[in-house]
Amino acid sequence: MRLLVAQPNHEPHLQHLLKEMSRQDSFDAVLYPEGYVADEASVKTLCEVAKTYKKLIITGYRNSNNKDRALMIHPSGDIILERAKSPMDEQLYRPSVAEADGLSIGYLLCVELLQGCVGLEGQAKSLDFIAHPIGVGMFSEEQFELWIEEATRIAVKYNTMIIGTSHADGSYRNCGISIPISYWIDSTGHPIYISRNDTRSRMINLDTRRVNVLD
């Protein structure tokens, strides 16, 4: 699978994603950050985009109460994963795995990364990869390192790769500090790439492990 990993700014009308679709022959699926889809009306639009371009879309959206929700859309335009974000004082919500064209894909929404090591247990016999849409960049170097360490632990435990990406803009609770993050860690815990403060999109090939940085 060829996956486009994007780090857009927050925006209301999917402009970044629609622009990237001009490269449609170069990828099979896209990974966008938590909350990239600004409202429920845009979810319907995104389903049409997935169907038109025949792309798997992995991201998150904001509902009418401005709450983050998980979202994965099949190339047919059908929603194959949609749920609320797990509260931090509870177990990871289910489903957190979806099947798409023979692939078993794990899903962790932003801070759910910290629940994933235990929470993904029993949801699938094996995972082809785990997608990790992140809302905004890390609020400190310590958080950056902590999340990479946790992603590495999850990759090794489930013997699969994990791929994460945040928005280019915004900050946690508007604290004003943000380190945009994008990463790909393989099943052995080896980082194929870790991006810090570089918000260019990346085209990655899950089979060849090749990474192309897009200007």
C-alpha atoms as a PDB file:
ATOM      1  CA  MET A   1       0.000   0.000   0.000  1.00  0.00           C
ATOM      2  CA  ARG A   2       1.100   3.558  -0.792  1.00  0.00           C
ATOM      3  CA  LEU A   3       0.020   5.984   1.923  1.00  0.00           C
ATOM      4  CA  LEU A   4       0.018   9.777   1.791  1.00  0.00           C
ATOM      5  CA  VAL A   5       0.809  11.133   5.273  1.00  0.00           C
ATOM      6  CA  ALA A   6      -0.227  14.785   5.502  1.00  0.00           C
ATOM      7  CA  GLN A   7       0.337  17.620   7.988  1.00  0.00           C
ATOM      8  CA  PRO A   8      -2.105  20.351   6.943  1.00  0.00           C
ATOM      9  CA  ASN A   9      -3.174  23.444   8.822  1.00  0.00           C
ATOM     10  CA  HIS A  10      -6.625  23.367  10.394  1.00  0.00           C
ATOM     11  CA  GLU A  11      -9.092  24.420   7.693  1.00  0.00           C
ATOM     12  CA  PRO A  12     -12.869  24.338   7.166  1.00  0.00           C
ATOM     13  CA  HIS A  13     -13.294  22.915   3.675  1.00  0.00           C
ATOM     14  CA  LEU A  14     -10.783  20.096   3.076  1.00  0.00           C
ATOM     15  CA  GLN A  15      -8.716  22.300   0.764  1.00  0.00           C
ATOM     16  CA  HIS A  16      -5.405  20.586   1.499  1.00  0.00           C
ATOM     17  CA  LEU A  17      -6.800  17.107   0.966  1.00  0.00           C
ATOM     18  CA  LEU A  18      -8.547  18.056  -2.257  1.00  0.00           C
ATOM     19  CA  LYS A  19      -5.331  19.594  -3.564  1.00  0.00           C
ATOM     20  CA  GLU A  20      -3.374  16.456  -2.710  1.00  0.00           C
ATOM     21  CA  MET A  21      -5.852  14.413  -4.731  1.00  0.00           C
ATOM     22  CA  SER A  22      -4.131  15.843  -7.810  1.00  0.00           C
ATOM     23  CA  ARG A  23      -1.436  13.271  -6.986  1.00  0.00           C
ATOM     24  CA  GLN A  24      -4.034  10.498  -6.873  1.00  0.00           C
ATOM     25  CA  ASP A  25      -2.109   8.086  -9.084  1.00  0.00           C
ATOM     26  CA  SER A  26       0.726   8.064  -6.549  1.00  0.00           C
ATOM     27  CA  PHE A  27      -1.126   6.695  -3.513  1.00  0.00           C
ATOM     28  CA  ASP A  28      -3.870   4.309  -2.379  1.00  0.00           C
ATOM     29  CA  ALA A  29      -4.751   5.832   0.988  1.00  0.00           C
ATOM     30  CA  VAL A  30      -4.335   9.010   3.024  1.00  0.00           C
ATOM     31  CA  LEU A  31      -3.676   9.663   6.708  1.00  0.00           C
ATOM     32  CA  TYR A  32      -4.754  13.069   8.026  1.00  0.00           C
ATOM     33  CA  PRO A  33      -4.708  14.414  11.615  1.00  0.00           C
ATOM     34  CA  GLU A  34      -7.319  14.206  14.338  1.00  0.00           C
ATOM     35  CA  GLY A  35     -10.048  16.796  13.810  1.00  0.00           C
ATOM     36  CA  TYR A  36      -8.970  17.674  10.274  1.00  0.00           C
ATOM     37  CA  VAL A  37     -12.572  17.251   9.127  1.00  0.00           C
ATOM     38  CA  ALA A  38     -14.191  20.276  10.726  1.00  0.00           C
ATOM     39  CA  ASP A  39     -17.856  19.218  10.846  1.00  0.00           C
ATOM     40  CA  GLU A  40     -20.369  16.495  10.057  1.00  0.00           C
ATOM     41  CA  ALA A  41     -21.296  18.002   6.687  1.00  0.00           C
ATOM     42  CA  SER A  42     -17.665  17.650   5.627  1.00  0.00           C
ATOM     43  CA  VAL A  43     -17.783  13.957   6.533  1.00  0.00           C
ATOM     44  CA  LYS A  44     -20.406  13.456   3.832  1.00  0.00           C
ATOM     45  CA  THR A  45     -18.235  15.370   1.384  1.00  0.00           C
ATOM     46  CA  LEU A  46     -15.256  13.237   2.316  1.00  0.00           C
ATOM     47  CA  CYS A  47     -17.207  10.044   1.666  1.00  0.00           C
ATOM     48  CA  GLU A  48     -17.892  11.294  -1.849  1.00  0.00           C
ATOM     49  CA  VAL A  49     -14.217  12.167  -2.289  1.00  0.00           C
ATOM     50  CA  ALA A  50     -13.190   8.668  -1.186  1.00  0.00           C
ATOM     51  CA  LYS A  51     -15.643   7.119  -3.630  1.00  0.00           C
ATOM     52  CA  THR A  52     -14.712   9.401  -6.536  1.00  0.00           C
ATOM     53  CA  TYR A  53     -10.968   8.874  -6.171  1.00  0.00           C
ATOM     54  CA  LYS A  54     -11.222   5.311  -4.806  1.00  0.00           C
ATOM     55  CA  LYS A  55      -9.020   6.093  -1.801  1.00  0.00           C
ATOM     56  CA  LEU A  56      -8.975   4.834   1.772  1.00  0.00           C
ATOM     57  CA  ILE A  57      -9.176   7.879   4.062  1.00  0.00           C
ATOM     58  CA  ILE A  58      -8.040   7.731   7.698  1.00  0.00           C
ATOM     59  CA  THR A  59      -8.554  10.831   9.833  1.00  0.00           C
ATOM     60  CA  GLY A  60     -10.835  12.275  12.514  1.00  0.00           C
ATOM     61  CA  TYR A  61     -13.668  14.776  12.621  1.00  0.00           C
ATOM     62  CA  ARG A  62     -15.472  17.175  14.947  1.00  0.00           C
ATOM     63  CA  ASN A  63     -19.151  16.527  15.606  1.00  0.00           C
ATOM     64  CA  SER A  64     -21.894  19.095  16.237  1.00  0.00           C
ATOM     65  CA  ASN A  65     -20.772  19.344  19.880  1.00  0.00           C
ATOM     66  CA  ASN A  66     -17.189  20.059  18.768  1.00  0.00           C
ATOM     67  CA  LYS A  67     -16.053  16.683  20.082  1.00  0.00           C
ATOM     68  CA  ASP A  68     -13.372  14.671  18.299  1.00  0.00           C
ATOM     69  CA  ARG A  69     -14.426  11.380  16.740  1.00  0.00           C
ATOM     70  CA  ALA A  70     -12.613   8.627  14.867  1.00  0.00           C
ATOM     71  CA  LEU A  71     -13.177   8.249  11.137  1.00  0.00           C
ATOM     72  CA  MET A  72     -12.065   5.777   8.481  1.00  0.00           C
ATOM     73  CA  ILE A  73     -13.668   5.699   5.026  1.00  0.00           C
ATOM     74  CA  HIS A  74     -13.367   2.839   2.536  1.00  0.00           C
ATOM     75  CA  PRO A  75     -12.581   3.557  -1.144  1.00  0.00           C
ATOM     76  CA  SER A  76     -16.222   2.668  -1.829  1.00  0.00           C
ATOM     77  CA  GLY A  77     -17.249   5.753   0.150  1.00  0.00           C
ATOM     78  CA  ASP A  78     -18.605   3.706   3.058  1.00  0.00           C
ATOM     79  CA  ILE A  79     -17.602   4.558   6.624  1.00  0.00           C
ATOM     80  CA  ILE A  80     -15.858   1.516   8.116  1.00  0.00           C
ATOM     81  CA  LEU A  81     -14.843   3.001  11.477  1.00  0.00           C
ATOM     82  CA  GLU A  82     -16.583   5.768  13.392  1.00  0.00           C
ATOM     83  CA  ARG A  83     -16.724   6.228  17.138  1.00  0.00           C
ATOM     84  CA  ALA A  84     -16.195   8.646  19.997  1.00  0.00           C
ATOM     85  CA  LYS A  85     -12.768   9.398  21.402  1.00  0.00           C
ATOM     86  CA  SER A  86     -11.934   7.285  24.444  1.00  0.00           C
ATOM     87  CA  PRO A  87     -11.850   9.140  27.793  1.00  0.00           C
ATOM     88  CA  MET A  88      -8.419   8.892  29.380  1.00  0.00           C
ATOM     89  CA  ASP A  89      -9.791   7.311  32.560  1.00  0.00           C
ATOM     90  CA  GLU A  90     -11.419   4.440  30.646  1.00  0.00           C
ATOM     91  CA  GLN A  91     -10.284   1.622  28.399  1.00  0.00           C
ATOM     92  CA  LEU A  92      -9.775   2.186  24.683  1.00  0.00           C
ATOM     93  CA  TYR A  93     -13.136   2.253  22.935  1.00  0.00           C
ATOM     94  CA  ARG A  94     -14.081  -0.343  20.346  1.00  0.00           C
ATOM     95  CA  PRO A  95     -13.923  -0.707  17.446  1.00  0.00           C
ATOM     96  CA  SER A  96     -10.309   0.354  17.090  1.00  0.00           C
ATOM     97  CA  VAL A  97      -9.633  -1.968  14.159  1.00  0.00           C
ATOM     98  CA  ALA A  98     -11.159  -1.897  10.676  1.00  0.00           C
ATOM     99  CA  GLU A  99     -10.851  -4.197   7.677  1.00  0.00           C
ATOM    100  CA  ALA A 100     -10.245  -2.682   4.244  1.00  0.00           C
ATOM    101  CA  ASP A 101      -9.530  -4.716   1.123  1.00  0.00           C
ATOM    102  CA  GLY A 102      -7.769  -7.493   2.972  1.00  0.00           C
ATOM    103  CA  LEU A 103      -5.901  -5.226   5.378  1.00  0.00           C
ATOM    104  CA  SER A 104      -6.460  -5.143   9.121  1.00  0.00           C
ATOM    105  CA  ILE A 105      -5.844  -1.578  10.305  1.00  0.00           C
ATOM    106  CA  GLY A 106      -5.551  -0.495  13.919  1.00  0.00           C
ATOM    107  CA  TYR A 107      -6.639   3.005  14.899  1.00  0.00           C
ATOM    108  CA  LEU A 108      -5.600   5.233  17.805  1.00  0.00           C
ATOM    109  CA  LEU A 109      -6.964   8.783  18.027  1.00  0.00           C
ATOM    110  CA  CYS A 110      -4.334  11.195  19.362  1.00  0.00           C
ATOM    111  CA  VAL A 111      -3.839  10.644  23.116  1.00  0.00           C
ATOM    112  CA  GLU A 112      -5.423   7.178  22.777  1.00  0.00           C
ATOM    113  CA  LEU A 113      -1.828   6.225  22.001  1.00  0.00           C
ATOM    114  CA  LEU A 114      -1.380   5.995  25.762  1.00  0.00           C
ATOM    115  CA  GLN A 115      -4.223   3.433  25.951  1.00  0.00           C
ATOM    116  CA  GLY A 116      -3.253   1.440  22.875  1.00  0.00           C
ATOM    117  CA  CYS A 117      -0.745  -0.993  24.313  1.00  0.00           C
ATOM    118  CA  VAL A 118      -3.468  -2.726  26.328  1.00  0.00           C
ATOM    119  CA  GLY A 119      -6.544  -1.485  24.464  1.00  0.00           C
ATOM    120  CA  LEU A 120      -5.839  -3.107  21.107  1.00  0.00           C
ATOM    121  CA  GLU A 121      -5.588  -6.577  22.652  1.00  0.00           C
ATOM    122  CA  GLY A 122      -8.077  -9.059  21.234  1.00  0.00           C
ATOM    123  CA  GLN A 123      -9.411  -6.773  18.512  1.00  0.00           C
ATOM    124  CA  ALA A 124      -7.694  -8.634  15.656  1.00  0.00           C
ATOM    125  CA  LYS A 125      -5.496 -11.702  15.188  1.00  0.00           C
ATOM    126  CA  SER A 126      -2.911  -9.505  13.523  1.00  0.00           C
ATOM    127  CA  LEU A 127      -2.602  -5.940  12.270  1.00  0.00           C
ATOM    128  CA  ASP A 128      -1.111  -4.778   8.989  1.00  0.00           C
ATOM    129  CA  PHE A 129      -0.484  -1.350  10.465  1.00  0.00           C
ATOM    130  CA  ILE A 130      -1.777   1.083  13.079  1.00  0.00           C
ATOM    131  CA  ALA A 131      -2.873   4.591  12.098  1.00  0.00           C
ATOM    132  CA  HIS A 132      -2.426   7.385  14.640  1.00  0.00           C
ATOM    133  CA  PRO A 133      -4.100  10.705  13.744  1.00  0.00           C
ATOM    134  CA  ILE A 134      -2.841  13.403  16.149  1.00  0.00           C
ATOM    135  CA  GLY A 135      -4.591  16.719  16.750  1.00  0.00           C
ATOM    136  CA  VAL A 136      -1.759  19.211  17.212  1.00  0.00           C
ATOM    137  CA  GLY A 137       1.987  19.095  17.712  1.00  0.00           C
ATOM    138  CA  MET A 138       3.694  18.134  20.944  1.00  0.00           C
ATOM    139  CA  PHE A 139       3.763  20.742  23.724  1.00  0.00           C
ATOM    140  CA  SER A 140       7.323  19.860  24.809  1.00  0.00           C
ATOM    141  CA  GLU A 141      10.371  17.854  23.793  1.00  0.00           C
ATOM    142  CA  GLU A 142       9.580  15.529  26.688  1.00  0.00           C
ATOM    143  CA  GLN A 143       6.123  14.794  25.298  1.00  0.00           C
ATOM    144  CA  PHE A 144       7.595  14.277  21.834  1.00  0.00           C
ATOM    145  CA  GLU A 145      10.014  11.657  23.154  1.00  0.00           C
ATOM    146  CA  LEU A 146       7.354  10.024  25.348  1.00  0.00           C
ATOM    147  CA  TRP A 147       4.962   9.557  22.443  1.00  0.00           C
ATOM    148  CA  ILE A 148       7.658   8.136  20.175  1.00  0.00           C
ATOM    149  CA  GLU A 149       8.644   5.730  22.945  1.00  0.00           C
ATOM    150  CA  GLU A 150       5.029   4.648  23.426  1.00  0.00           C
ATOM    151  CA  ALA A 151       4.462   4.222  19.683  1.00  0.00           C
ATOM    152  CA  THR A 152       7.606   2.090  19.540  1.00  0.00           C
ATOM    153  CA  ARG A 153       6.359  -0.081  22.400  1.00  0.00           C
ATOM    154  CA  ILE A 154       3.025  -0.621  20.642  1.00  0.00           C
ATOM    155  CA  ALA A 155       4.697  -1.469  17.324  1.00  0.00           C
ATOM    156  CA  VAL A 156       6.858  -4.122  18.962  1.00  0.00           C
ATOM    157  CA  LYS A 157       4.033  -5.589  21.062  1.00  0.00           C
ATOM    158  CA  TYR A 158       1.698  -6.025  18.095  1.00  0.00           C
ATOM    159  CA  ASN A 159       4.478  -6.839  15.625  1.00  0.00           C
ATOM    160  CA  THR A 160       3.240  -4.198  13.214  1.00  0.00           C
ATOM    161  CA  MET A 161       4.104  -0.746  11.951  1.00  0.00           C
ATOM    162  CA  ILE A 162       2.549   2.423  13.341  1.00  0.00           C
ATOM    163  CA  ILE A 163       2.215   5.722  11.492  1.00  0.00           C
ATOM    164  CA  GLY A 164       1.222   9.040  13.057  1.00  0.00           C
ATOM    165  CA  THR A 165       0.724  12.636  11.973  1.00  0.00           C
ATOM    166  CA  SER A 166      -0.397  15.951  13.485  1.00  0.00           C
ATOM    167  CA  HIS A 167      -1.579  19.275  12.125  1.00  0.00           C
ATOM    168  CA  ALA A 168       1.026  21.845  11.163  1.00  0.00           C
ATOM    169  CA  ASP A 169      -0.639  24.544  13.261  1.00  0.00           C
ATOM    170  CA  GLY A 170      -2.399  24.880  16.602  1.00  0.00           C
ATOM    171  CA  SER A 171      -1.192  23.943  20.074  1.00  0.00           C
ATOM    172  CA  TYR A 172      -2.429  21.896  23.022  1.00  0.00           C
ATOM    173  CA  ARG A 173      -5.086  23.925  24.846  1.00  0.00           C
ATOM    174  CA  ASN A 174      -3.754  26.974  22.987  1.00  0.00           C
ATOM    175  CA  CYS A 175      -0.598  26.953  25.102  1.00  0.00           C
ATOM    176  CA  GLY A 176       1.324  28.519  22.223  1.00  0.00           C
ATOM    177  CA  ILE A 177       3.958  25.778  22.102  1.00  0.00           C
ATOM    178  CA  SER A 178       3.761  23.138  19.389  1.00  0.00           C
ATOM    179  CA  ILE A 179       6.212  20.733  17.774  1.00  0.00           C
ATOM    180  CA  PRO A 180       4.459  19.271  14.703  1.00  0.00           C
ATOM    181  CA  ILE A 181       5.073  15.537  14.538  1.00  0.00           C
ATOM    182  CA  SER A 182       4.922  12.824  11.911  1.00  0.00           C
ATOM    183  CA  TYR A 183       6.457   9.372  12.219  1.00  0.00           C
ATOM    184  CA  TRP A 184       6.634   5.815  10.924  1.00  0.00           C
ATOM    185  CA  ILE A 185       7.955   3.027  13.128  1.00  0.00           C
ATOM    186  CA  ASP A 186       8.280  -0.556  11.909  1.00  0.00           C
ATOM    187  CA  SER A 187       7.331  -3.801  13.632  1.00  0.00           C
ATOM    188  CA  THR A 188      10.761  -4.179  15.242  1.00  0.00           C
ATOM    189  CA  GLY A 189      10.574  -0.716  16.792  1.00  0.00           C
ATOM    190  CA  HIS A 190      12.951   0.782  14.227  1.00  0.00           C
ATOM    191  CA  PRO A 191      12.006   4.337  13.175  1.00  0.00           C
ATOM    192  CA  ILE A 192      11.726   4.534   9.402  1.00  0.00           C
ATOM    193  CA  TYR A 193      11.308   8.265   9.820  1.00  0.00           C
ATOM    194  CA  ILE A 194      10.553  10.720  12.615  1.00  0.00           C
ATOM    195  CA  SER A 195       9.667  14.253  11.569  1.00  0.00           C
ATOM    196  CA  ARG A 196       9.977  17.139  14.014  1.00  0.00           C
ATOM    197  CA  ASN A 197       8.886  20.612  12.847  1.00  0.00           C
ATOM    198  CA  ASP A 198       8.847  19.605   9.165  1.00  0.00           C
ATOM    199  CA  THR A 199       5.260  19.769   7.948  1.00  0.00           C
ATOM    200  CA  ARG A 200       5.699  18.582   4.380  1.00  0.00           C
ATOM    201  CA  SER A 201       3.539  15.681   3.227  1.00  0.00           C
ATOM    202  CA  ARG A 202       5.179  12.306   2.814  1.00  0.00           C
ATOM    203  CA  MET A 203       4.422   9.501   0.415  1.00  0.00           C
ATOM    204  CA  ILE A 204       5.292   6.182   2.017  1.00  0.00           C
ATOM    205  CA  ASN A 205       5.239   2.679   0.580  1.00  0.00           C
ATOM    206  CA  LEU A 206       4.371   0.131   3.246  1.00  0.00           C
ATOM    207  CA  ASP A 207       5.829  -2.718   1.182  1.00  0.00           C
ATOM    208  CA  THR A 208       9.172  -1.230   0.113  1.00  0.00           C
ATOM    209  CA  ARG A 209       9.508   1.077   3.177  1.00  0.00           C
ATOM    210  CA  ARG A 210      10.380   3.938   0.884  1.00  0.00           C
ATOM    211  CA  VAL A 211       9.638   7.525   1.983  1.00  0.00           C
ATOM    212  CA  ASN A 212       9.293  10.450  -0.426  1.00  0.00           C
ATOM    213  CA  VAL A 213       9.072  13.953   1.035  1.00  0.00           C
ATOM    214  CA  LEU A 214       6.785  16.147  -1.060  1.00  0.00           C
ATOM    215  CA  ASP A 215       7.398  19.851  -1.663  1.00  0.00           C
END
